[in-house]
PDB file of N, CA and C in Angstrom:
ATOM      1  N   MET A   1      -4.745  50.092  21.688  1.00  0.00           N
ATOM      2  CA  MET A   1      -5.627  48.967  21.871  1.00  0.00           C
ATOM      3  C   MET A   1      -5.267  47.901  20.844  1.00  0.00           C
ATOM      4  N   PHE A   2      -5.230  46.658  21.296  1.00  0.00           N
ATOM      5  CA  PHE A   2      -4.878  45.532  20.425  1.00  0.00           C
ATOM      6  C   PHE A   2      -6.147  44.888  19.885  1.00  0.00           C
ATOM      7  N   LYS A   3      -6.249  44.815  18.571  1.00  0.00           N
ATOM      8  CA  LYS A   3      -7.409  44.174  17.941  1.00  0.00           C
ATOM      9  C   LYS A   3      -6.923  42.947  17.186  1.00  0.00           C
ATOM     10  N   PRO A   4      -7.426  41.749  17.526  1.00  0.00           N
ATOM     11  CA  PRO A   4      -7.029  40.571  16.747  1.00  0.00           C
ATOM     12  C   PRO A   4      -7.638  40.641  15.352  1.00  0.00           C
ATOM     13  N   THR A   5      -6.850  40.322  14.385  1.00  0.00           N
ATOM     14  CA  THR A   5      -7.352  40.300  13.010  1.00  0.00           C
ATOM     15  C   THR A   5      -7.523  38.845  12.589  1.00  0.00           C
ATOM     16  N   PRO A   6      -8.593  38.552  11.917  1.00  0.00           N
ATOM     17  CA  PRO A   6      -8.795  37.166  11.477  1.00  0.00           C
ATOM     18  C   PRO A   6      -7.776  36.787  10.406  1.00  0.00           C
ATOM     19  N   ASN A   7      -7.485  35.502  10.354  1.00  0.00           N
ATOM     20  CA  ASN A   7      -6.589  35.017   9.302  1.00  0.00           C
ATOM     21  C   ASN A   7      -7.268  35.171   7.955  1.00  0.00           C
ATOM     22  N   PRO A   8      -6.525  35.600   6.968  1.00  0.00           N
ATOM     23  CA  PRO A   8      -7.144  35.715   5.641  1.00  0.00           C
ATOM     24  C   PRO A   8      -7.514  34.320   5.132  1.00  0.00           C
ATOM     25  N   PRO A   9      -8.535  34.240   4.308  1.00  0.00           N
ATOM     26  CA  PRO A   9      -8.925  32.920   3.787  1.00  0.00           C
ATOM     27  C   PRO A   9      -7.813  32.330   2.929  1.00  0.00           C
ATOM     28  N   LYS A  10      -7.713  31.024   2.999  1.00  0.00           N
ATOM     29  CA  LYS A  10      -6.708  30.343   2.180  1.00  0.00           C
ATOM     30  C   LYS A  10      -7.135  30.404   0.720  1.00  0.00           C
ATOM     31  N   PRO A  11      -6.172  30.579  -0.171  1.00  0.00           N
ATOM     32  CA  PRO A  11      -6.539  30.618  -1.593  1.00  0.00           C
ATOM     33  C   PRO A  11      -7.100  29.267  -2.033  1.00  0.00           C
ATOM     34  N   VAL A  12      -8.032  29.338  -2.951  1.00  0.00           N
ATOM     35  CA  VAL A  12      -8.637  28.122  -3.483  1.00  0.00           C
ATOM     36  C   VAL A  12      -7.587  27.376  -4.293  1.00  0.00           C
ATOM     37  N   SER A  13      -7.450  26.109  -3.995  1.00  0.00           N
ATOM     38  CA  SER A  13      -6.458  25.293  -4.696  1.00  0.00           C
ATOM     39  C   SER A  13      -7.098  24.645  -5.919  1.00  0.00           C
ATOM     40  N   HIS A  14      -6.475  24.828  -7.057  1.00  0.00           N
ATOM     41  CA  HIS A  14      -6.938  24.193  -8.282  1.00  0.00           C
ATOM     42  C   HIS A  14      -5.937  23.114  -8.656  1.00  0.00           C
ATOM     43  N   PRO A  15      -6.390  21.857  -8.729  1.00  0.00           N
ATOM     44  CA  PRO A  15      -5.435  20.806  -9.087  1.00  0.00           C
ATOM     45  C   PRO A  15      -4.888  21.023 -10.490  1.00  0.00           C
ATOM     46  N   SER A  16      -3.687  20.576 -10.688  1.00  0.00           N
ATOM     47  CA  SER A  16      -3.061  20.696 -12.002  1.00  0.00           C
ATOM     48  C   SER A  16      -3.833  19.856 -13.010  1.00  0.00           C
ATOM     49  N   THR A  17      -4.030  20.399 -14.176  1.00  0.00           N
ATOM     50  CA  THR A  17      -4.754  19.665 -15.214  1.00  0.00           C
ATOM     51  C   THR A  17      -3.825  19.146 -16.295  1.00  0.00           C
ATOM     52  N   ILE A  18      -2.527  19.139 -16.037  1.00  0.00           N
ATOM     53  CA  ILE A  18      -1.584  18.729 -17.067  1.00  0.00           C
ATOM     54  C   ILE A  18      -1.767  17.257 -17.452  1.00  0.00           C
ATOM     55  N   PHE A  19      -2.172  16.419 -16.493  1.00  0.00           N
ATOM     56  CA  PHE A  19      -2.355  15.006 -16.794  1.00  0.00           C
ATOM     57  C   PHE A  19      -3.792  14.550 -16.575  1.00  0.00           C
ATOM     58  N   THR A  20      -4.735  15.431 -16.761  1.00  0.00           N
ATOM     59  CA  THR A  20      -6.136  15.088 -16.575  1.00  0.00           C
ATOM     60  C   THR A  20      -6.672  14.362 -17.801  1.00  0.00           C
ATOM     61  N   VAL A  21      -7.424  13.286 -17.538  1.00  0.00           N
ATOM     62  CA  VAL A  21      -8.086  12.565 -18.628  1.00  0.00           C
ATOM     63  C   VAL A  21      -9.446  13.218 -18.839  1.00  0.00           C
ATOM     64  N   LEU A  22      -9.697  13.620 -20.052  1.00  0.00           N
ATOM     65  CA  LEU A  22     -10.960  14.282 -20.361  1.00  0.00           C
ATOM     66  C   LEU A  22     -12.123  13.314 -20.179  1.00  0.00           C
ATOM     67  N   PRO A  23     -13.235  13.778 -19.616  1.00  0.00           N
ATOM     68  CA  PRO A  23     -14.375  12.896 -19.366  1.00  0.00           C
ATOM     69  C   PRO A  23     -14.982  12.298 -20.638  1.00  0.00           C
ATOM     70  N   GLU A  24     -14.819  12.977 -21.762  1.00  0.00           N
ATOM     71  CA  GLU A  24     -15.438  12.481 -22.995  1.00  0.00           C
ATOM     72  C   GLU A  24     -14.610  11.416 -23.716  1.00  0.00           C
ATOM     73  N   VAL A  25     -13.422  11.087 -23.198  1.00  0.00           N
ATOM     74  CA  VAL A  25     -12.608  10.041 -23.825  1.00  0.00           C
ATOM     75  C   VAL A  25     -13.248   8.692 -23.514  1.00  0.00           C
ATOM     76  N   ASP A  26     -13.483   7.890 -24.554  1.00  0.00           N
ATOM     77  CA  ASP A  26     -14.179   6.615 -24.368  1.00  0.00           C
ATOM     78  C   ASP A  26     -13.254   5.551 -23.774  1.00  0.00           C
ATOM     79  N   SER A  27     -13.872   4.518 -23.216  1.00  0.00           N
ATOM     80  CA  SER A  27     -13.141   3.442 -22.537  1.00  0.00           C
ATOM     81  C   SER A  27     -12.180   2.718 -23.463  1.00  0.00           C
ATOM     82  N   GLU A  28     -12.580   2.494 -24.694  1.00  0.00           N
ATOM     83  CA  GLU A  28     -11.716   1.781 -25.640  1.00  0.00           C
ATOM     84  C   GLU A  28     -10.410   2.543 -25.883  1.00  0.00           C
ATOM     85  N   THR A  29     -10.510   3.845 -26.037  1.00  0.00           N
ATOM     86  CA  THR A  29      -9.318   4.669 -26.242  1.00  0.00           C
ATOM     87  C   THR A  29      -8.413   4.632 -25.018  1.00  0.00           C
ATOM     88  N   LEU A  30      -9.008   4.733 -23.833  1.00  0.00           N
ATOM     89  CA  LEU A  30      -8.218   4.676 -22.599  1.00  0.00           C
ATOM     90  C   LEU A  30      -7.528   3.325 -22.445  1.00  0.00           C
ATOM     91  N   LEU A  31      -8.242   2.250 -22.751  1.00  0.00           N
ATOM     92  CA  LEU A  31      -7.649   0.914 -22.655  1.00  0.00           C
ATOM     93  C   LEU A  31      -6.520   0.737 -23.665  1.00  0.00           C
ATOM     94  N   ALA A  32      -6.723   1.228 -24.878  1.00  0.00           N
ATOM     95  CA  ALA A  32      -5.676   1.114 -25.896  1.00  0.00           C
ATOM     96  C   ALA A  32      -4.428   1.881 -25.463  1.00  0.00           C
ATOM     97  N   HIS A  33      -4.624   3.066 -24.895  1.00  0.00           N
ATOM     98  CA  HIS A  33      -3.483   3.853 -24.423  1.00  0.00           C
ATOM     99  C   HIS A  33      -2.775   3.146 -23.265  1.00  0.00           C
ATOM    100  N   ALA A  34      -3.553   2.593 -22.335  1.00  0.00           N
ATOM    101  CA  ALA A  34      -2.962   1.863 -21.210  1.00  0.00           C
ATOM    102  C   ALA A  34      -2.185   0.654 -21.702  1.00  0.00           C
ATOM    103  N   CYS A  35      -2.717  -0.029 -22.704  1.00  0.00           N
ATOM    104  CA  CYS A  35      -2.043  -1.198 -23.277  1.00  0.00           C
ATOM    105  C   CYS A  35      -0.705  -0.804 -23.892  1.00  0.00           C
ATOM    106  N   GLU A  36      -0.685   0.258 -24.660  1.00  0.00           N
ATOM    107  CA  GLU A  36       0.555   0.723 -25.293  1.00  0.00           C
ATOM    108  C   GLU A  36       1.575   1.184 -24.254  1.00  0.00           C
ATOM    109  N   THR A  37       1.103   1.853 -23.204  1.00  0.00           N
ATOM    110  CA  THR A  37       2.000   2.311 -22.145  1.00  0.00           C
ATOM    111  C   THR A  37       2.612   1.131 -21.402  1.00  0.00           C
ATOM    112  N   LEU A  38       1.794   0.131 -21.091  1.00  0.00           N
ATOM    113  CA  LEU A  38       2.304  -1.058 -20.407  1.00  0.00           C
ATOM    114  C   LEU A  38       3.285  -1.824 -21.283  1.00  0.00           C
ATOM    115  N   ALA A  39       3.009  -1.906 -22.580  1.00  0.00           N
ATOM    116  CA  ALA A  39       3.928  -2.597 -23.489  1.00  0.00           C
ATOM    117  C   ALA A  39       5.279  -1.886 -23.520  1.00  0.00           C
ATOM    118  N   SER A  40       5.261  -0.570 -23.544  1.00  0.00           N
ATOM    119  CA  SER A  40       6.513   0.194 -23.534  1.00  0.00           C
ATOM    120  C   SER A  40       7.262   0.004 -22.221  1.00  0.00           C
ATOM    121  N   ALA A  41       6.544   0.064 -21.104  1.00  0.00           N
ATOM    122  CA  ALA A  41       7.174  -0.130 -19.797  1.00  0.00           C
ATOM    123  C   ALA A  41       7.754  -1.532 -19.679  1.00  0.00           C
ATOM    124  N   ASN A  42       7.062  -2.517 -20.243  1.00  0.00           N
ATOM    125  CA  ASN A  42       7.527  -3.904 -20.230  1.00  0.00           C
ATOM    126  C   ASN A  42       8.871  -4.024 -20.938  1.00  0.00           C
ATOM    127  N   ILE A  43       8.969  -3.443 -22.110  1.00  0.00           N
ATOM    128  CA  ILE A  43      10.212  -3.515 -22.888  1.00  0.00           C
ATOM    129  C   ILE A  43      11.338  -2.762 -22.180  1.00  0.00           C
ATOM    130  N   MET A  44      11.041  -1.565 -21.661  1.00  0.00           N
ATOM    131  CA  MET A  44      12.080  -0.797 -20.967  1.00  0.00           C
ATOM    132  C   MET A  44      12.597  -1.536 -19.737  1.00  0.00           C
ATOM    133  N   ALA A  45      11.693  -2.125 -18.955  1.00  0.00           N
ATOM    134  CA  ALA A  45      12.111  -2.857 -17.755  1.00  0.00           C
ATOM    135  C   ALA A  45      12.923  -4.085 -18.125  1.00  0.00           C
ATOM    136  N   SER A  46      12.497  -4.779 -19.168  1.00  0.00           N
ATOM    137  CA  SER A  46      13.212  -5.983 -19.600  1.00  0.00           C
ATOM    138  C   SER A  46      14.621  -5.647 -20.069  1.00  0.00           C
ATOM    139  N   GLU A  47      14.746  -4.629 -20.899  1.00  0.00           N
ATOM    140  CA  GLU A  47      16.067  -4.246 -21.409  1.00  0.00           C
ATOM    141  C   GLU A  47      16.979  -3.742 -20.294  1.00  0.00           C
ATOM    142  N   LEU A  48      16.432  -2.982 -19.361  1.00  0.00           N
ATOM    143  CA  LEU A  48      17.236  -2.480 -18.260  1.00  0.00           C
ATOM    144  C   LEU A  48      17.668  -3.607 -17.328  1.00  0.00           C
ATOM    145  N   ALA A  49      16.794  -4.584 -17.112  1.00  0.00           N
ATOM    146  CA  ALA A  49      17.116  -5.690 -16.201  1.00  0.00           C
ATOM    147  C   ALA A  49      18.358  -6.437 -16.651  1.00  0.00           C
ATOM    148  N   PHE A  50      18.531  -6.588 -17.934  1.00  0.00           N
ATOM    149  CA  PHE A  50      19.659  -7.363 -18.431  1.00  0.00           C
ATOM    150  C   PHE A  50      20.961  -6.565 -18.476  1.00  0.00           C
ATOM    151  N   THR A  51      20.908  -5.300 -18.066  1.00  0.00           N
ATOM    152  CA  THR A  51      22.147  -4.538 -17.895  1.00  0.00           C
ATOM    153  C   THR A  51      22.607  -4.584 -16.442  1.00  0.00           C
ATOM    154  N   LEU A  52      21.789  -5.184 -15.581  1.00  0.00           N
ATOM    155  CA  LEU A  52      22.081  -5.246 -14.149  1.00  0.00           C
ATOM    156  C   LEU A  52      22.466  -6.660 -13.744  1.00  0.00           C
ATOM    157  N   ASN A  53      22.964  -6.785 -12.523  1.00  0.00           N
ATOM    158  CA  ASN A  53      23.348  -8.092 -11.999  1.00  0.00           C
ATOM    159  C   ASN A  53      22.748  -8.299 -10.617  1.00  0.00           C
ATOM    160  N   GLY A  54      22.643  -9.552 -10.231  1.00  0.00           N
ATOM    161  CA  GLY A  54      22.272  -9.911  -8.869  1.00  0.00           C
ATOM    162  C   GLY A  54      20.862  -9.536  -8.474  1.00  0.00           C
ATOM    163  N   PRO A  55      20.689  -9.168  -7.201  1.00  0.00           N
ATOM    164  CA  PRO A  55      19.349  -8.898  -6.674  1.00  0.00           C
ATOM    165  C   PRO A  55      18.631  -7.753  -7.383  1.00  0.00           C
ATOM    166  N   THR A  56      19.374  -6.756  -7.820  1.00  0.00           N
ATOM    167  CA  THR A  56      18.741  -5.634  -8.521  1.00  0.00           C
ATOM    168  C   THR A  56      18.112  -6.104  -9.818  1.00  0.00           C
ATOM    169  N   CYS A  57      18.799  -6.983 -10.532  1.00  0.00           N
ATOM    170  CA  CYS A  57      18.249  -7.552 -11.761  1.00  0.00           C
ATOM    171  C   CYS A  57      16.986  -8.349 -11.446  1.00  0.00           C
ATOM    172  N   SER A  58      17.039  -9.149 -10.388  1.00  0.00           N
ATOM    173  CA  SER A  58      15.881  -9.961 -10.001  1.00  0.00           C
ATOM    174  C   SER A  58      14.689  -9.088  -9.630  1.00  0.00           C
ATOM    175  N   GLN A  59      14.940  -8.000  -8.916  1.00  0.00           N
ATOM    176  CA  GLN A  59      13.857  -7.084  -8.559  1.00  0.00           C
ATOM    177  C   GLN A  59      13.223  -6.478  -9.805  1.00  0.00           C
ATOM    178  N   LEU A  60      14.042  -6.050 -10.727  1.00  0.00           N
ATOM    179  CA  LEU A  60      13.514  -5.432 -11.938  1.00  0.00           C
ATOM    180  C   LEU A  60      12.761  -6.447 -12.793  1.00  0.00           C
ATOM    181  N   LEU A  61      13.230  -7.688 -12.829  1.00  0.00           N
ATOM    182  CA  LEU A  61      12.496  -8.726 -13.559  1.00  0.00           C
ATOM    183  C   LEU A  61      11.149  -9.012 -12.893  1.00  0.00           C
ATOM    184  N   GLY A  62      11.095  -8.905 -11.563  1.00  0.00           N
ATOM    185  CA  GLY A  62       9.818  -9.041 -10.863  1.00  0.00           C
ATOM    186  C   GLY A  62       8.859  -7.926 -11.237  1.00  0.00           C
ATOM    187  N   ILE A  63       9.374  -6.708 -11.308  1.00  0.00           N
ATOM    188  CA  ILE A  63       8.554  -5.569 -11.737  1.00  0.00           C
ATOM    189  C   ILE A  63       8.096  -5.773 -13.175  1.00  0.00           C
ATOM    190  N   GLN A  64       8.990  -6.255 -14.021  1.00  0.00           N
ATOM    191  CA  GLN A  64       8.655  -6.510 -15.423  1.00  0.00           C
ATOM    192  C   GLN A  64       7.546  -7.549 -15.526  1.00  0.00           C
ATOM    193  N   GLN A  65       7.579  -8.565 -14.663  1.00  0.00           N
ATOM    194  CA  GLN A  65       6.530  -9.583 -14.678  1.00  0.00           C
ATOM    195  C   GLN A  65       5.189  -8.983 -14.259  1.00  0.00           C
ATOM    196  N   MET A  66       5.199  -8.095 -13.269  1.00  0.00           N
ATOM    197  CA  MET A  66       3.961  -7.440 -12.856  1.00  0.00           C
ATOM    198  C   MET A  66       3.398  -6.582 -13.987  1.00  0.00           C
ATOM    199  N   ILE A  67       4.272  -5.905 -14.712  1.00  0.00           N
ATOM    200  CA  ILE A  67       3.841  -5.107 -15.862  1.00  0.00           C
ATOM    201  C   ILE A  67       3.218  -6.021 -16.913  1.00  0.00           C
ATOM    202  N   SER A  68       3.838  -7.169 -17.157  1.00  0.00           N
ATOM    203  CA  SER A  68       3.320  -8.125 -18.144  1.00  0.00           C
ATOM    204  C   SER A  68       1.934  -8.619 -17.756  1.00  0.00           C
ATOM    205  N   LEU A  69       1.735  -8.914 -16.469  1.00  0.00           N
ATOM    206  CA  LEU A  69       0.426  -9.379 -16.011  1.00  0.00           C
ATOM    207  C   LEU A  69      -0.630  -8.286 -16.164  1.00  0.00           C
ATOM    208  N   ALA A  70      -0.263  -7.052 -15.862  1.00  0.00           N
ATOM    209  CA  ALA A  70      -1.196  -5.941 -16.055  1.00  0.00           C
ATOM    210  C   ALA A  70      -1.518  -5.761 -17.531  1.00  0.00           C
ATOM    211  N   GLU A  71      -0.509  -5.920 -18.382  1.00  0.00           N
ATOM    212  CA  GLU A  71      -0.712  -5.799 -19.830  1.00  0.00           C
ATOM    213  C   GLU A  71      -1.669  -6.874 -20.331  1.00  0.00           C
ATOM    214  N   LEU A  72      -1.506  -8.111 -19.837  1.00  0.00           N
ATOM    215  CA  LEU A  72      -2.419  -9.192 -20.222  1.00  0.00           C
ATOM    216  C   LEU A  72      -3.851  -8.878 -19.795  1.00  0.00           C
ATOM    217  N   SER A  73      -4.009  -8.344 -18.593  1.00  0.00           N
ATOM    218  CA  SER A  73      -5.348  -8.002 -18.103  1.00  0.00           C
ATOM    219  C   SER A  73      -5.991  -6.911 -18.953  1.00  0.00           C
ATOM    220  N   VAL A  74      -5.234  -5.877 -19.265  1.00  0.00           N
ATOM    221  CA  VAL A  74      -5.768  -4.784 -20.082  1.00  0.00           C
ATOM    222  C   VAL A  74      -6.106  -5.288 -21.479  1.00  0.00           C
ATOM    223  N   ASN A  75      -5.253  -6.123 -22.054  1.00  0.00           N
ATOM    224  CA  ASN A  75      -5.542  -6.687 -23.376  1.00  0.00           C
ATOM    225  C   ASN A  75      -6.820  -7.516 -23.360  1.00  0.00           C
ATOM    226  N   ARG A  76      -7.029  -8.264 -22.286  1.00  0.00           N
ATOM    227  CA  ARG A  76      -8.236  -9.094 -22.173  1.00  0.00           C
ATOM    228  C   ARG A  76      -9.480  -8.212 -22.137  1.00  0.00           C
ATOM    229  N   VAL A  77      -9.447  -7.158 -21.343  1.00  0.00           N
ATOM    230  CA  VAL A  77     -10.587  -6.240 -21.274  1.00  0.00           C
ATOM    231  C   VAL A  77     -10.786  -5.550 -22.616  1.00  0.00           C
ATOM    232  N   LEU A  78      -9.708  -5.155 -23.268  1.00  0.00           N
ATOM    233  CA  LEU A  78      -9.808  -4.504 -24.572  1.00  0.00           C
ATOM    234  C   LEU A  78     -10.435  -5.437 -25.597  1.00  0.00           C
ATOM    235  N   ASP A  79     -10.080  -6.721 -25.547  1.00  0.00           N
ATOM    236  CA  ASP A  79     -10.699  -7.702 -26.445  1.00  0.00           C
ATOM    237  C   ASP A  79     -12.192  -7.831 -26.187  1.00  0.00           C
ATOM    238  N   GLN A  80     -12.617  -7.703 -24.935  1.00  0.00           N
ATOM    239  CA  GLN A  80     -14.043  -7.793 -24.613  1.00  0.00           C
ATOM    240  C   GLN A  80     -14.792  -6.538 -25.046  1.00  0.00           C
ATOM    241  N   VAL A  81     -14.132  -5.396 -24.981  1.00  0.00           N
ATOM    242  CA  VAL A  81     -14.764  -4.133 -25.383  1.00  0.00           C
ATOM    243  C   VAL A  81     -14.889  -4.057 -26.895  1.00  0.00           C
ATOM    244  N   ASP A  82     -13.855  -4.497 -27.602  1.00  0.00           N
ATOM    245  CA  ASP A  82     -13.833  -4.415 -29.064  1.00  0.00           C
ATOM    246  C   ASP A  82     -13.295  -5.716 -29.643  1.00  0.00           C
ATOM    247  N   PRO A  83     -14.140  -6.761 -29.707  1.00  0.00           N
ATOM    248  CA  PRO A  83     -13.651  -8.031 -30.258  1.00  0.00           C
ATOM    249  C   PRO A  83     -13.254  -7.875 -31.722  1.00  0.00           C
ATOM    250  N   GLN A  84     -12.123  -8.454 -32.086  1.00  0.00           N
ATOM    251  CA  GLN A  84     -11.608  -8.348 -33.452  1.00  0.00           C
ATOM    252  C   GLN A  84     -12.067  -9.494 -34.350  1.00  0.00           C
ATOM    253  N   ASN A  85     -12.834 -10.431 -33.815  1.00  0.00           N
ATOM    254  CA  ASN A  85     -13.260 -11.605 -34.622  1.00  0.00           C
ATOM    255  C   ASN A  85     -14.494 -11.315 -35.413  1.00  0.00           C
TER     256      ASN A  85
END
């Protein structure tokens, strides 16, 4: 006699926590970290762009400009969160 067996339940998936931001980290710290990361990405993109030629260089300079604009925005918010004056 053939008895169908139910499919075993799927294992519970736990997302990786390697890059999880802890809930207790304050906004100022997160903004400062984002600012430093954007500044580093800005410099890396700028330096790499000048090793390239033609359209690839132009594309990378466009990406670098987007990074710069994001950096300006984060700096502005950081100034509002923690004014230095």
